Amino acid sequence: MEFLNEIGGGAHDVKHPIGHERQYETDAYRNSLENLTYYGNHPSHGVNAFAGSVTLLSDDIRLKEYAEPEEGDIVLHGKTAFLAAPAGDLNYFHWMIDVLARAGRLDALESYEHIVINTLNYPFQFATFPLIGFKGKVHTANYDVSFFSEEMHVPSLRRVGHRIPADWMVNFLREQILPYRAPHSPLGDKIFITRLKRGVRTLTNMAEVSTLLRREGFQEVVLEDYNFLEQVSIIHSATMIIAPHGAGLTNTAFCRRGAKILELFSPHYISSLFYFISAFAGADYYFLVGEEEEFDPNRNANSQDIRISVAVIEAMIKKILS
């Protein structure tokens, strides 16, 4: 049985335990606001706090009552695009989806004099931001800086459907980034993305799984060993990708249509994010949930390691490739 065919890909075998019944919309809104001040991520809500001359705003930002620049505000004259998002400076997924992809709901990027994004802390931010085509002055937002703009465009932060990325986000990233990918992948067409350098959400029976996957023709890859455009090429060239749940699967936005994605979960934490991203990219999505193991109290649910028997993985691979 297949699901999600209406959005270009498929999830197979059984319904995903998270998100398969959620509603999604193909459109999203953009707030076009006059005389708006950005005051940083609201610490108690994890959202952006603004002050402006309008009162009708989306429920993912907070509006204060005044709309004049205060002492110390940075005043931006002209048209400003606002893309900064909570955690956009902390994590690859949030940067790609909550920051860069939201540019797909702005006017033509060359029409903006200013753009406000998160602080640039990581090589992937410096590698990806130039690819979206913005030509104006770049400002980085944090808790200590406030910006006042005569006209500020703020795409919705909600990630349509309560944290589900939208199809237009994936389409925008593909259109902007795929043309720049490295011309050749250094790996084959069947890959296994490991998390050995991450230290969490790793496979506790990694040695046995590695032996199986090598026998099945998979090559292990540590994405951090490659630059961003090489990573895009590796993902786009693959016909099948196996990986534990993790931010690296954000790159399934760049996979080829018809590629097979097998995501591995701990039973303590299951997410539908990459189910939707890979489906919007046109891939066929599958998943396995690991065995119930003792919960490590020193880690949160999202950081628990994973154990899935070799026999179960082997059976799923044969099913997918049959």
C-alpha atoms as a PDB file:
ATOM      1  CA  MET A   1       0.000   0.000   0.000  1.00  0.00           C
ATOM      2  CA  GLU A   2       1.306   3.453  -0.872  1.00  0.00           C
ATOM      3  CA  PHE A   3       0.733   6.823   0.739  1.00  0.00           C
ATOM      4  CA  LEU A   4       1.605  10.384  -0.277  1.00  0.00           C
ATOM      5  CA  ASN A   5       1.434   9.682  -4.013  1.00  0.00           C
ATOM      6  CA  GLU A   6      -0.511  12.921  -4.384  1.00  0.00           C
ATOM      7  CA  ILE A   7       2.593  14.873  -3.416  1.00  0.00           C
ATOM      8  CA  GLY A   8       5.029  13.075  -5.621  1.00  0.00           C
ATOM      9  CA  GLY A   9       6.528  10.256  -3.586  1.00  0.00           C
ATOM     10  CA  GLY A  10       5.456   7.318  -1.502  1.00  0.00           C
ATOM     11  CA  ALA A  11       5.621   5.873   1.988  1.00  0.00           C
ATOM     12  CA  HIS A  12       5.340   2.131   1.908  1.00  0.00           C
ATOM     13  CA  ASP A  13       4.445  -0.984   3.849  1.00  0.00           C
ATOM     14  CA  VAL A  14       2.637   0.656   6.788  1.00  0.00           C
ATOM     15  CA  LYS A  15       1.541   4.172   7.569  1.00  0.00           C
ATOM     16  CA  HIS A  16       4.100   6.392   9.228  1.00  0.00           C
ATOM     17  CA  PRO A  17       3.194   6.547  12.935  1.00  0.00           C
ATOM     18  CA  ILE A  18       3.607  10.323  12.978  1.00  0.00           C
ATOM     19  CA  GLY A  19       2.089  12.767  10.579  1.00  0.00           C
ATOM     20  CA  HIS A  20       0.394  10.631   7.942  1.00  0.00           C
ATOM     21  CA  GLU A  21      -3.044  12.036   8.734  1.00  0.00           C
ATOM     22  CA  ARG A  22      -1.946  15.653   9.064  1.00  0.00           C
ATOM     23  CA  GLN A  23      -3.345  18.172   6.666  1.00  0.00           C
ATOM     24  CA  TYR A  24      -0.913  20.161   4.589  1.00  0.00           C
ATOM     25  CA  GLU A  25      -1.357  23.146   2.299  1.00  0.00           C
ATOM     26  CA  THR A  26       0.602  23.924  -0.827  1.00  0.00           C
ATOM     27  CA  ASP A  27       0.529  27.673  -0.176  1.00  0.00           C
ATOM     28  CA  ALA A  28       1.695  29.819   2.711  1.00  0.00           C
ATOM     29  CA  TYR A  29       1.404  33.444   3.583  1.00  0.00           C
ATOM     30  CA  ARG A  30       3.845  36.276   3.769  1.00  0.00           C
ATOM     31  CA  ASN A  31       3.336  39.235   6.059  1.00  0.00           C
ATOM     32  CA  SER A  32       4.112  42.531   4.329  1.00  0.00           C
ATOM     33  CA  LEU A  33       4.487  44.977   7.202  1.00  0.00           C
ATOM     34  CA  GLU A  34       5.241  48.665   7.460  1.00  0.00           C
ATOM     35  CA  ASN A  35       7.353  50.308  10.149  1.00  0.00           C
ATOM     36  CA  LEU A  36       8.262  47.049  11.852  1.00  0.00           C
ATOM     37  CA  THR A  37      10.884  46.388  14.498  1.00  0.00           C
ATOM     38  CA  TYR A  38      12.411  42.950  15.128  1.00  0.00           C
ATOM     39  CA  TYR A  39      13.330  42.317  18.780  1.00  0.00           C
ATOM     40  CA  GLY A  40      14.850  38.841  18.629  1.00  0.00           C
ATOM     41  CA  ASN A  41      13.564  35.364  19.375  1.00  0.00           C
ATOM     42  CA  HIS A  42      11.022  35.506  22.178  1.00  0.00           C
ATOM     43  CA  PRO A  43      12.721  33.497  24.955  1.00  0.00           C
ATOM     44  CA  SER A  44       9.533  32.072  26.455  1.00  0.00           C
ATOM     45  CA  HIS A  45       7.827  31.120  23.207  1.00  0.00           C
ATOM     46  CA  GLY A  46      10.670  30.221  20.880  1.00  0.00           C
ATOM     47  CA  VAL A  47       9.266  32.584  18.267  1.00  0.00           C
ATOM     48  CA  ASN A  48      10.170  35.953  16.811  1.00  0.00           C
ATOM     49  CA  ALA A  49       9.027  39.117  18.584  1.00  0.00           C
ATOM     50  CA  PHE A  50       8.156  42.205  16.553  1.00  0.00           C
ATOM     51  CA  ALA A  51       6.647  45.629  17.058  1.00  0.00           C
ATOM     52  CA  GLY A  52       4.731  47.152  14.170  1.00  0.00           C
ATOM     53  CA  SER A  53       1.936  49.356  12.931  1.00  0.00           C
ATOM     54  CA  VAL A  54      -0.333  46.436  12.066  1.00  0.00           C
ATOM     55  CA  THR A  55      -2.187  44.076  14.373  1.00  0.00           C
ATOM     56  CA  LEU A  56      -3.027  41.155  12.064  1.00  0.00           C
ATOM     57  CA  LEU A  57      -0.055  38.834  12.165  1.00  0.00           C
ATOM     58  CA  SER A  58       0.443  35.094  12.029  1.00  0.00           C
ATOM     59  CA  ASP A  59       0.368  33.155  15.278  1.00  0.00           C
ATOM     60  CA  ASP A  60       4.060  32.328  15.058  1.00  0.00           C
ATOM     61  CA  ILE A  61       5.320  35.833  15.827  1.00  0.00           C
ATOM     62  CA  ARG A  62       4.600  38.191  18.704  1.00  0.00           C
ATOM     63  CA  LEU A  63       3.498  41.791  18.185  1.00  0.00           C
ATOM     64  CA  LYS A  64       4.245  44.595  20.614  1.00  0.00           C
ATOM     65  CA  GLU A  65       2.166  47.769  20.719  1.00  0.00           C
ATOM     66  CA  TYR A  66       4.613  50.447  19.575  1.00  0.00           C
ATOM     67  CA  ALA A  67       6.000  50.979  16.091  1.00  0.00           C
ATOM     68  CA  GLU A  68       8.663  53.666  16.285  1.00  0.00           C
ATOM     69  CA  PRO A  69      12.385  52.883  16.352  1.00  0.00           C
ATOM     70  CA  GLU A  70      13.872  53.048  19.809  1.00  0.00           C
ATOM     71  CA  GLU A  71      17.320  54.206  20.823  1.00  0.00           C
ATOM     72  CA  GLY A  72      19.832  51.605  19.743  1.00  0.00           C
ATOM     73  CA  ASP A  73      17.678  50.110  16.965  1.00  0.00           C
ATOM     74  CA  ILE A  74      19.366  49.566  13.605  1.00  0.00           C
ATOM     75  CA  VAL A  75      17.210  51.402  11.045  1.00  0.00           C
ATOM     76  CA  LEU A  76      16.992  49.751   7.607  1.00  0.00           C
ATOM     77  CA  HIS A  77      15.760  52.053   4.843  1.00  0.00           C
ATOM     78  CA  GLY A  78      13.956  50.386   1.980  1.00  0.00           C
ATOM     79  CA  LYS A  79      12.639  46.872   1.515  1.00  0.00           C
ATOM     80  CA  THR A  80      13.764  44.205   3.999  1.00  0.00           C
ATOM     81  CA  ALA A  81      13.399  40.413   3.856  1.00  0.00           C
ATOM     82  CA  PHE A  82      13.259  38.757   7.270  1.00  0.00           C
ATOM     83  CA  LEU A  83      14.250  35.071   7.351  1.00  0.00           C
ATOM     84  CA  ALA A  84      15.833  34.598  10.796  1.00  0.00           C
ATOM     85  CA  ALA A  85      14.193  31.774  12.746  1.00  0.00           C
ATOM     86  CA  PRO A  86      14.557  30.110  16.163  1.00  0.00           C
ATOM     87  CA  ALA A  87      17.409  27.554  16.047  1.00  0.00           C
ATOM     88  CA  GLY A  88      18.359  28.741  12.566  1.00  0.00           C
ATOM     89  CA  ASP A  89      21.906  29.290  13.798  1.00  0.00           C
ATOM     90  CA  LEU A  90      22.160  25.991  15.665  1.00  0.00           C
ATOM     91  CA  ASN A  91      21.171  23.151  13.362  1.00  0.00           C
ATOM     92  CA  TYR A  92      21.464  22.253   9.669  1.00  0.00           C
ATOM     93  CA  PHE A  93      17.803  21.262   9.324  1.00  0.00           C
ATOM     94  CA  HIS A  94      16.492  24.486  10.863  1.00  0.00           C
ATOM     95  CA  TRP A  95      18.860  26.585   8.758  1.00  0.00           C
ATOM     96  CA  MET A  96      17.871  24.931   5.487  1.00  0.00           C
ATOM     97  CA  ILE A  97      14.120  24.631   6.071  1.00  0.00           C
ATOM     98  CA  ASP A  98      13.201  27.374   8.538  1.00  0.00           C
ATOM     99  CA  VAL A  99      15.566  30.010   7.129  1.00  0.00           C
ATOM    100  CA  LEU A 100      16.664  29.469   3.520  1.00  0.00           C
ATOM    101  CA  ALA A 101      13.581  27.665   2.217  1.00  0.00           C
ATOM    102  CA  ARG A 102      11.261  30.410   3.453  1.00  0.00           C
ATOM    103  CA  ALA A 103      12.808  32.700   0.830  1.00  0.00           C
ATOM    104  CA  GLY A 104      10.568  30.848  -1.609  1.00  0.00           C
ATOM    105  CA  ARG A 105       7.662  32.993  -0.388  1.00  0.00           C
ATOM    106  CA  LEU A 106       9.405  36.332  -0.885  1.00  0.00           C
ATOM    107  CA  ASP A 107       9.391  38.626  -3.884  1.00  0.00           C
ATOM    108  CA  ALA A 108      12.308  38.304  -6.293  1.00  0.00           C
ATOM    109  CA  LEU A 109      15.303  38.386  -3.968  1.00  0.00           C
ATOM    110  CA  GLU A 110      17.114  41.027  -5.986  1.00  0.00           C
ATOM    111  CA  SER A 111      14.296  43.461  -5.108  1.00  0.00           C
ATOM    112  CA  TYR A 112      15.353  43.646  -1.432  1.00  0.00           C
ATOM    113  CA  GLU A 113      17.831  46.180  -0.113  1.00  0.00           C
ATOM    114  CA  HIS A 114      18.296  44.228   3.129  1.00  0.00           C
ATOM    115  CA  ILE A 115      17.913  40.685   4.427  1.00  0.00           C
ATOM    116  CA  VAL A 116      17.955  39.576   8.069  1.00  0.00           C
ATOM    117  CA  ILE A 117      19.154  36.040   8.774  1.00  0.00           C
ATOM    118  CA  ASN A 118      20.532  34.137  11.762  1.00  0.00           C
ATOM    119  CA  THR A 119      24.096  34.516  12.948  1.00  0.00           C
ATOM    120  CA  LEU A 120      26.504  32.654  10.676  1.00  0.00           C
ATOM    121  CA  ASN A 121      28.306  30.089  12.842  1.00  0.00           C
ATOM    122  CA  TYR A 122      28.935  27.087  10.587  1.00  0.00           C
ATOM    123  CA  PRO A 123      30.561  26.329   7.220  1.00  0.00           C
ATOM    124  CA  PHE A 124      27.248  25.022   5.835  1.00  0.00           C
ATOM    125  CA  GLN A 125      25.686  28.461   6.362  1.00  0.00           C
ATOM    126  CA  PHE A 126      28.450  30.228   4.444  1.00  0.00           C
ATOM    127  CA  ALA A 127      28.264  27.562   1.709  1.00  0.00           C
ATOM    128  CA  THR A 128      24.499  27.671   1.205  1.00  0.00           C
ATOM    129  CA  PHE A 129      23.376  31.262   1.718  1.00  0.00           C
ATOM    130  CA  PRO A 130      25.014  32.645  -1.475  1.00  0.00           C
ATOM    131  CA  LEU A 131      23.126  30.055  -3.541  1.00  0.00           C
ATOM    132  CA  ILE A 132      19.670  31.547  -2.941  1.00  0.00           C
ATOM    133  CA  GLY A 133      20.500  34.624  -5.007  1.00  0.00           C
ATOM    134  CA  PHE A 134      20.211  37.555  -2.597  1.00  0.00           C
ATOM    135  CA  LYS A 135      22.268  40.602  -3.651  1.00  0.00           C
ATOM    136  CA  GLY A 136      21.563  43.230  -0.956  1.00  0.00           C
ATOM    137  CA  LYS A 137      23.068  43.926   2.443  1.00  0.00           C
ATOM    138  CA  VAL A 138      23.034  41.034   4.924  1.00  0.00           C
ATOM    139  CA  HIS A 139      22.270  41.562   8.621  1.00  0.00           C
ATOM    140  CA  THR A 140      22.491  38.855  11.285  1.00  0.00           C
ATOM    141  CA  ALA A 141      19.935  38.758  14.091  1.00  0.00           C
ATOM    142  CA  ASN A 142      20.402  37.768  17.702  1.00  0.00           C
ATOM    143  CA  TYR A 143      18.887  38.554  21.075  1.00  0.00           C
ATOM    144  CA  ASP A 144      20.933  41.727  21.474  1.00  0.00           C
ATOM    145  CA  VAL A 145      20.177  43.457  18.157  1.00  0.00           C
ATOM    146  CA  SER A 146      16.940  45.153  17.070  1.00  0.00           C
ATOM    147  CA  PHE A 147      16.169  46.209  13.498  1.00  0.00           C
ATOM    148  CA  PHE A 148      13.623  48.789  12.384  1.00  0.00           C
ATOM    149  CA  SER A 149      12.493  48.644   8.751  1.00  0.00           C
ATOM    150  CA  GLU A 150      10.134  50.805   6.727  1.00  0.00           C
ATOM    151  CA  GLU A 151       8.935  47.698   4.878  1.00  0.00           C
ATOM    152  CA  MET A 152       9.662  44.207   6.144  1.00  0.00           C
ATOM    153  CA  HIS A 153       8.525  40.979   4.466  1.00  0.00           C
ATOM    154  CA  VAL A 154       8.245  38.060   6.908  1.00  0.00           C
ATOM    155  CA  PRO A 155       7.376  34.608   5.504  1.00  0.00           C
ATOM    156  CA  SER A 156       5.360  32.354   7.796  1.00  0.00           C
ATOM    157  CA  LEU A 157       7.385  30.461  10.359  1.00  0.00           C
ATOM    158  CA  ARG A 158       4.880  27.740  11.128  1.00  0.00           C
ATOM    159  CA  ARG A 159       6.161  25.228   8.592  1.00  0.00           C
ATOM    160  CA  VAL A 160       2.686  24.501   7.262  1.00  0.00           C
ATOM    161  CA  GLY A 161       0.601  21.972   9.162  1.00  0.00           C
ATOM    162  CA  HIS A 162       2.255  22.156  12.583  1.00  0.00           C
ATOM    163  CA  ARG A 163       5.962  21.575  11.848  1.00  0.00           C
ATOM    164  CA  ILE A 164       5.512  19.813   8.505  1.00  0.00           C
ATOM    165  CA  PRO A 165       7.699  21.348   5.779  1.00  0.00           C
ATOM    166  CA  ALA A 166       5.720  22.406   2.703  1.00  0.00           C
ATOM    167  CA  ASP A 167       6.253  21.267  -0.879  1.00  0.00           C
ATOM    168  CA  TRP A 168       7.173  24.776  -2.040  1.00  0.00           C
ATOM    169  CA  MET A 169      10.064  24.789   0.450  1.00  0.00           C
ATOM    170  CA  VAL A 170      11.568  21.655  -1.078  1.00  0.00           C
ATOM    171  CA  ASN A 171      10.909  22.895  -4.615  1.00  0.00           C
ATOM    172  CA  PHE A 172      12.646  26.191  -3.875  1.00  0.00           C
ATOM    173  CA  LEU A 173      15.746  24.486  -2.470  1.00  0.00           C
ATOM    174  CA  ARG A 174      15.928  22.136  -5.456  1.00  0.00           C
ATOM    175  CA  GLU A 175      15.572  24.964  -7.959  1.00  0.00           C
ATOM    176  CA  GLN A 176      18.168  27.155  -6.271  1.00  0.00           C
ATOM    177  CA  ILE A 177      20.791  24.574  -5.306  1.00  0.00           C
ATOM    178  CA  LEU A 178      20.724  21.526  -7.602  1.00  0.00           C
ATOM    179  CA  PRO A 179      22.216  23.425 -10.582  1.00  0.00           C
ATOM    180  CA  TYR A 180      25.354  24.064  -8.483  1.00  0.00           C
ATOM    181  CA  ARG A 181      25.947  20.491  -7.323  1.00  0.00           C
ATOM    182  CA  ALA A 182      29.315  18.880  -7.913  1.00  0.00           C
ATOM    183  CA  PRO A 183      29.357  17.267 -11.379  1.00  0.00           C
ATOM    184  CA  HIS A 184      30.249  13.793 -10.142  1.00  0.00           C
ATOM    185  CA  SER A 185      29.499  11.884  -6.958  1.00  0.00           C
ATOM    186  CA  PRO A 186      32.547  10.328  -5.285  1.00  0.00           C
ATOM    187  CA  LEU A 187      30.373   7.384  -4.190  1.00  0.00           C
ATOM    188  CA  GLY A 188      28.144   4.746  -5.740  1.00  0.00           C
ATOM    189  CA  ASP A 189      24.373   4.741  -6.036  1.00  0.00           C
ATOM    190  CA  LYS A 190      23.604   2.870  -2.782  1.00  0.00           C
ATOM    191  CA  ILE A 191      24.730   4.662   0.373  1.00  0.00           C
ATOM    192  CA  PHE A 192      24.467   4.300   4.130  1.00  0.00           C
ATOM    193  CA  ILE A 193      24.785   7.587   6.041  1.00  0.00           C
ATOM    194  CA  THR A 194      26.420   6.982   9.408  1.00  0.00           C
ATOM    195  CA  ARG A 195      26.373   9.203  12.490  1.00  0.00           C
ATOM    196  CA  LEU A 196      29.694   8.056  13.895  1.00  0.00           C
ATOM    197  CA  LYS A 197      30.939  11.633  14.277  1.00  0.00           C
ATOM    198  CA  ARG A 198      27.754  12.822  15.951  1.00  0.00           C
ATOM    199  CA  GLY A 199      27.922  10.622  19.056  1.00  0.00           C
ATOM    200  CA  VAL A 200      24.152  10.229  19.437  1.00  0.00           C
ATOM    201  CA  ARG A 201      21.456   8.276  17.639  1.00  0.00           C
ATOM    202  CA  THR A 202      24.015   5.770  16.412  1.00  0.00           C
ATOM    203  CA  LEU A 203      23.446   2.065  15.778  1.00  0.00           C
ATOM    204  CA  THR A 204      24.515  -0.048  18.743  1.00  0.00           C
ATOM    205  CA  ASN A 205      25.036  -3.043  16.427  1.00  0.00           C
ATOM    206  CA  MET A 206      26.890  -0.992  13.834  1.00  0.00           C
ATOM    207  CA  ALA A 207      29.515  -3.644  13.045  1.00  0.00           C
ATOM    208  CA  GLU A 208      26.919  -6.254  12.082  1.00  0.00           C
ATOM    209  CA  VAL A 209      24.854  -3.746  10.098  1.00  0.00           C
ATOM    210  CA  SER A 210      27.946  -2.523   8.241  1.00  0.00           C
ATOM    211  CA  THR A 211      28.839  -6.081   7.247  1.00  0.00           C
ATOM    212  CA  LEU A 212      25.337  -6.635   5.890  1.00  0.00           C
ATOM    213  CA  LEU A 213      25.212  -3.374   3.971  1.00  0.00           C
ATOM    214  CA  ARG A 214      28.623  -3.877   2.373  1.00  0.00           C
ATOM    215  CA  ARG A 215      27.441  -7.289   1.212  1.00  0.00           C
ATOM    216  CA  GLU A 216      24.348  -5.628  -0.278  1.00  0.00           C
ATOM    217  CA  GLY A 217      26.491  -3.131  -2.182  1.00  0.00           C
ATOM    218  CA  PHE A 218      26.124  -0.078   0.064  1.00  0.00           C
ATOM    219  CA  GLN A 219      28.925   2.373   0.745  1.00  0.00           C
ATOM    220  CA  GLU A 220      29.182   4.063   4.123  1.00  0.00           C
ATOM    221  CA  VAL A 221      29.354   7.843   4.074  1.00  0.00           C
ATOM    222  CA  VAL A 222      30.033  10.425   6.765  1.00  0.00           C
ATOM    223  CA  LEU A 223      28.489  13.523   5.210  1.00  0.00           C
ATOM    224  CA  GLU A 224      30.661  15.861   7.283  1.00  0.00           C
ATOM    225  CA  ASP A 225      33.693  14.587   5.323  1.00  0.00           C
ATOM    226  CA  TYR A 226      32.404  16.321   2.178  1.00  0.00           C
ATOM    227  CA  ASN A 227      31.670  19.932   1.339  1.00  0.00           C
ATOM    228  CA  PHE A 228      28.063  20.974   0.846  1.00  0.00           C
ATOM    229  CA  LEU A 229      27.887  20.713  -2.958  1.00  0.00           C
ATOM    230  CA  GLU A 230      29.597  17.312  -2.839  1.00  0.00           C
ATOM    231  CA  GLN A 231      26.940  16.191  -0.338  1.00  0.00           C
ATOM    232  CA  VAL A 232      24.207  17.361  -2.702  1.00  0.00           C
ATOM    233  CA  SER A 233      25.806  15.393  -5.533  1.00  0.00           C
ATOM    234  CA  ILE A 234      26.134  12.262  -3.370  1.00  0.00           C
ATOM    235  CA  ILE A 235      22.455  12.380  -2.422  1.00  0.00           C
ATOM    236  CA  HIS A 236      21.228  13.251  -5.919  1.00  0.00           C
ATOM    237  CA  SER A 237      23.218  10.403  -7.478  1.00  0.00           C
ATOM    238  CA  ALA A 238      21.960   7.750  -5.053  1.00  0.00           C
ATOM    239  CA  THR A 239      19.207   5.323  -5.975  1.00  0.00           C
ATOM    240  CA  MET A 240      18.877   4.118  -2.363  1.00  0.00           C
ATOM    241  CA  ILE A 241      19.775   5.818   0.913  1.00  0.00           C
ATOM    242  CA  ILE A 242      19.725   4.263   4.395  1.00  0.00           C
ATOM    243  CA  ALA A 243      20.267   6.470   7.442  1.00  0.00           C
ATOM    244  CA  PRO A 244      19.384   6.847  11.115  1.00  0.00           C
ATOM    245  CA  HIS A 245      17.104   9.806  11.777  1.00  0.00           C
ATOM    246  CA  GLY A 246      19.144  13.009  11.747  1.00  0.00           C
ATOM    247  CA  ALA A 247      19.583  16.441  10.214  1.00  0.00           C
ATOM    248  CA  GLY A 248      21.671  14.993   7.382  1.00  0.00           C
ATOM    249  CA  LEU A 249      18.448  13.626   5.895  1.00  0.00           C
ATOM    250  CA  THR A 250      17.480  17.221   5.137  1.00  0.00           C
ATOM    251  CA  ASN A 251      19.536  16.590   2.006  1.00  0.00           C
ATOM    252  CA  THR A 252      16.872  14.182   0.753  1.00  0.00           C
ATOM    253  CA  ALA A 253      15.353  17.407  -0.601  1.00  0.00           C
ATOM    254  CA  PHE A 254      17.978  16.982  -3.340  1.00  0.00           C
ATOM    255  CA  CYS A 255      17.482  13.281  -4.095  1.00  0.00           C
ATOM    256  CA  ARG A 256      16.546  12.066  -7.551  1.00  0.00           C
ATOM    257  CA  ARG A 257      12.917  11.251  -8.241  1.00  0.00           C
ATOM    258  CA  GLY A 258      12.228   7.583  -7.585  1.00  0.00           C
ATOM    259  CA  ALA A 259      15.103   7.171  -5.124  1.00  0.00           C
ATOM    260  CA  LYS A 260      14.454   4.856  -2.168  1.00  0.00           C
ATOM    261  CA  ILE A 261      14.872   6.269   1.346  1.00  0.00           C
ATOM    262  CA  LEU A 262      15.011   3.993   4.422  1.00  0.00           C
ATOM    263  CA  GLU A 263      15.035   5.910   7.719  1.00  0.00           C
ATOM    264  CA  LEU A 264      15.946   4.184  10.995  1.00  0.00           C
ATOM    265  CA  PHE A 265      14.361   5.259  14.288  1.00  0.00           C
ATOM    266  CA  SER A 266      14.659   4.581  17.971  1.00  0.00           C
ATOM    267  CA  PRO A 267      11.228   3.721  19.431  1.00  0.00           C
ATOM    268  CA  HIS A 268      11.765   6.632  21.826  1.00  0.00           C
ATOM    269  CA  TYR A 269      11.614   9.269  19.089  1.00  0.00           C
ATOM    270  CA  ILE A 270       9.886   9.133  15.704  1.00  0.00           C
ATOM    271  CA  SER A 271       9.555  12.112  13.373  1.00  0.00           C
ATOM    272  CA  SER A 272       7.723  12.651  10.091  1.00  0.00           C
ATOM    273  CA  LEU A 273       9.951  15.487   8.837  1.00  0.00           C
ATOM    274  CA  PHE A 274      11.951  13.500   6.301  1.00  0.00           C
ATOM    275  CA  TYR A 275       8.913  11.444   5.323  1.00  0.00           C
ATOM    276  CA  PHE A 276       7.490  14.650   3.871  1.00  0.00           C
ATOM    277  CA  ILE A 277      10.706  16.207   2.572  1.00  0.00           C
ATOM    278  CA  SER A 278      11.702  13.102   0.609  1.00  0.00           C
ATOM    279  CA  ALA A 279       8.173  12.625  -0.708  1.00  0.00           C
ATOM    280  CA  PHE A 280       8.003  16.230  -1.917  1.00  0.00           C
ATOM    281  CA  ALA A 281      11.289  15.576  -3.723  1.00  0.00           C
ATOM    282  CA  GLY A 282       9.689  12.590  -5.467  1.00  0.00           C
ATOM    283  CA  ALA A 283      11.403   9.791  -3.538  1.00  0.00           C
ATOM    284  CA  ASP A 284       9.856   6.604  -2.159  1.00  0.00           C
ATOM    285  CA  TYR A 285      10.086   6.571   1.627  1.00  0.00           C
ATOM    286  CA  TYR A 286      10.339   3.607   4.009  1.00  0.00           C
ATOM    287  CA  PHE A 287      11.178   3.360   7.690  1.00  0.00           C
ATOM    288  CA  LEU A 288      12.070   0.906  10.444  1.00  0.00           C
ATOM    289  CA  VAL A 289      11.611   1.388  14.195  1.00  0.00           C
ATOM    290  CA  GLY A 290      14.240  -0.192  16.413  1.00  0.00           C
ATOM    291  CA  GLU A 291      13.977  -2.530  19.349  1.00  0.00           C
ATOM    292  CA  GLU A 292      12.837  -1.276  22.734  1.00  0.00           C
ATOM    293  CA  GLU A 293      15.950  -0.747  24.847  1.00  0.00           C
ATOM    294  CA  GLU A 294      16.609   0.803  28.210  1.00  0.00           C
ATOM    295  CA  PHE A 295      16.191   4.577  28.092  1.00  0.00           C
ATOM    296  CA  ASP A 296      19.421   6.460  28.801  1.00  0.00           C
ATOM    297  CA  PRO A 297      18.413   9.106  31.388  1.00  0.00           C
ATOM    298  CA  ASN A 298      21.436  11.219  30.467  1.00  0.00           C
ATOM    299  CA  ARG A 299      20.019  11.840  26.989  1.00  0.00           C
ATOM    300  CA  ASN A 300      16.711  13.186  25.764  1.00  0.00           C
ATOM    301  CA  ALA A 301      14.347  11.058  23.685  1.00  0.00           C
ATOM    302  CA  ASN A 302      15.726  12.462  20.434  1.00  0.00           C
ATOM    303  CA  SER A 303      19.271  11.369  21.313  1.00  0.00           C
ATOM    304  CA  GLN A 304      18.747   7.695  22.172  1.00  0.00           C
ATOM    305  CA  ASP A 305      20.783   5.150  20.230  1.00  0.00           C
ATOM    306  CA  ILE A 306      19.160   2.673  17.856  1.00  0.00           C
ATOM    307  CA  ARG A 307      19.260  -1.097  17.573  1.00  0.00           C
ATOM    308  CA  ILE A 308      17.605  -2.886  14.647  1.00  0.00           C
ATOM    309  CA  SER A 309      18.373  -6.518  13.934  1.00  0.00           C
ATOM    310  CA  VAL A 310      20.337  -7.328  10.807  1.00  0.00           C
ATOM    311  CA  ALA A 311      17.614  -9.764   9.732  1.00  0.00           C
ATOM    312  CA  VAL A 312      14.970  -7.024   9.836  1.00  0.00           C
ATOM    313  CA  ILE A 313      17.114  -4.603   7.832  1.00  0.00           C
ATOM    314  CA  GLU A 314      17.992  -7.288   5.285  1.00  0.00           C
ATOM    315  CA  ALA A 315      14.337  -8.217   4.823  1.00  0.00           C
ATOM    316  CA  MET A 316      13.359  -4.574   4.309  1.00  0.00           C
ATOM    317  CA  ILE A 317      16.112  -4.010   1.734  1.00  0.00           C
ATOM    318  CA  LYS A 318      14.962  -7.036  -0.242  1.00  0.00           C
ATOM    319  CA  LYS A 319      11.361  -5.812  -0.065  1.00  0.00           C
ATOM    320  CA  ILE A 320      12.313  -2.330  -1.262  1.00  0.00           C
ATOM    321  CA  LEU A 321      14.453  -3.568  -4.136  1.00  0.00           C
ATOM    322  CA  SER A 322      12.157  -6.369  -5.245  1.00  0.00           C
END
